[in-house]
Amino acid sequence: MVKAPGWSESRRWHVVSDGLLLAVLEPDWRAGRRDGWRWRLADSATWSSRPQPTREKAAVTALAAWQRSATRKENP
């Protein structure tokens, strides 16, 4: 995980492997307070529907989704 460009305003993090952006993480806000972390795959505009309690858990969940997606693309 690395801080995304513009991190100081967005608080977004990038999940990167070998220079390839795999996922984006950002705080999930509810009623004016942080309610965990949401994620999306780098090639998707859709954010996860369930926030994870920590940034690390969001990254693990995003990587598992990325792996499923990559495996599906390799074996149509």
Protein backbone atom coordinates (compact mmCIF):
# COMPACT_ATOMS: atom_id res chain seq x y z
CA MET A 1 0.00 0.00 0.00
CA VAL A 2 1.19 3.46 -0.86
CA LYS A 3 -0.35 6.86 -0.35
CA ALA A 4 -2.16 7.99 -3.50
CA PRO A 5 -1.32 11.27 -5.17
CA GLY A 6 -3.39 13.93 -3.42
CA TRP A 7 -3.48 11.83 -0.26
CA SER A 8 -3.50 14.89 2.01
CA GLU A 9 -6.96 15.83 0.70
CA SER A 10 -8.49 12.49 -0.33
CA ARG A 11 -6.89 10.11 2.22
CA ARG A 12 -6.86 7.51 -0.58
CA TRP A 13 -4.32 4.70 -0.69
CA HIS A 14 -3.24 2.58 -3.66
CA VAL A 15 -2.58 -1.14 -3.59
CA VAL A 16 0.28 -1.68 -6.05
CA SER A 17 2.22 -4.74 -7.21
CA ASP A 18 5.24 -4.54 -9.52
CA GLY A 19 4.25 -0.98 -10.41
CA LEU A 20 0.71 -2.00 -11.40
CA LEU A 21 -2.19 -0.29 -9.62
CA LEU A 22 -4.56 -3.04 -8.46
CA ALA A 23 -6.97 -1.29 -6.08
CA VAL A 24 -7.87 2.04 -4.52
CA LEU A 25 -8.84 2.40 -0.84
CA GLU A 26 -10.53 5.35 0.83
CA PRO A 27 -12.19 6.10 4.16
CA ASP A 28 -15.93 5.44 4.29
CA TRP A 29 -17.81 8.24 6.06
CA ARG A 30 -21.21 7.87 7.73
CA ALA A 31 -22.93 10.61 9.71
CA GLY A 32 -19.78 12.72 9.70
CA ARG A 33 -17.44 10.07 11.08
CA ARG A 34 -15.27 7.40 9.54
CA ASP A 35 -17.05 4.05 9.40
CA GLY A 36 -14.21 1.97 8.00
CA TRP A 37 -12.56 1.67 4.59
CA ARG A 38 -14.07 1.00 1.18
CA TRP A 39 -12.24 -0.18 -1.91
CA ARG A 40 -12.56 -0.54 -5.65
CA LEU A 41 -10.51 -2.34 -8.25
CA ALA A 42 -8.35 -0.02 -10.32
CA ASP A 43 -10.21 -0.83 -13.54
CA SER A 44 -13.67 -0.32 -11.97
CA ALA A 45 -15.67 2.77 -11.02
CA THR A 46 -17.79 0.83 -8.51
CA TRP A 47 -16.86 0.99 -4.83
CA SER A 48 -17.33 -1.94 -2.45
CA SER A 49 -20.70 -2.05 -0.75
CA ARG A 50 -19.42 -3.12 2.67
CA PRO A 51 -16.71 -1.11 4.39
CA GLN A 52 -13.93 -2.99 6.13
CA PRO A 53 -12.90 -2.00 9.67
CA THR A 54 -9.25 -1.33 8.80
CA ARG A 55 -7.27 -0.20 5.78
CA GLU A 56 -5.34 -3.48 5.85
CA LYS A 57 -8.50 -5.60 5.78
CA ALA A 58 -9.84 -3.51 2.91
CA ALA A 59 -6.59 -4.13 1.01
CA VAL A 60 -6.79 -7.90 1.60
CA THR A 61 -10.43 -7.97 0.47
CA ALA A 62 -9.58 -5.91 -2.62
CA LEU A 63 -6.65 -8.18 -3.50
CA ALA A 64 -8.87 -11.27 -3.22
CA ALA A 65 -11.39 -9.62 -5.57
CA TRP A 66 -8.58 -8.67 -7.95
CA GLN A 67 -7.30 -12.26 -7.94
CA ARG A 68 -10.78 -13.63 -8.72
CA SER A 69 -11.14 -11.08 -11.53
CA ALA A 70 -7.71 -11.84 -13.01
CA THR A 71 -8.34 -15.60 -12.86
CA ARG A 72 -11.71 -15.19 -14.57
CA LYS A 73 -10.11 -13.18 -17.39
CA GLU A 74 -7.43 -15.84 -17.93
CA ASN A 75 -9.97 -18.71 -18.08
CA PRO A 76 -13.05 -17.48 -19.98
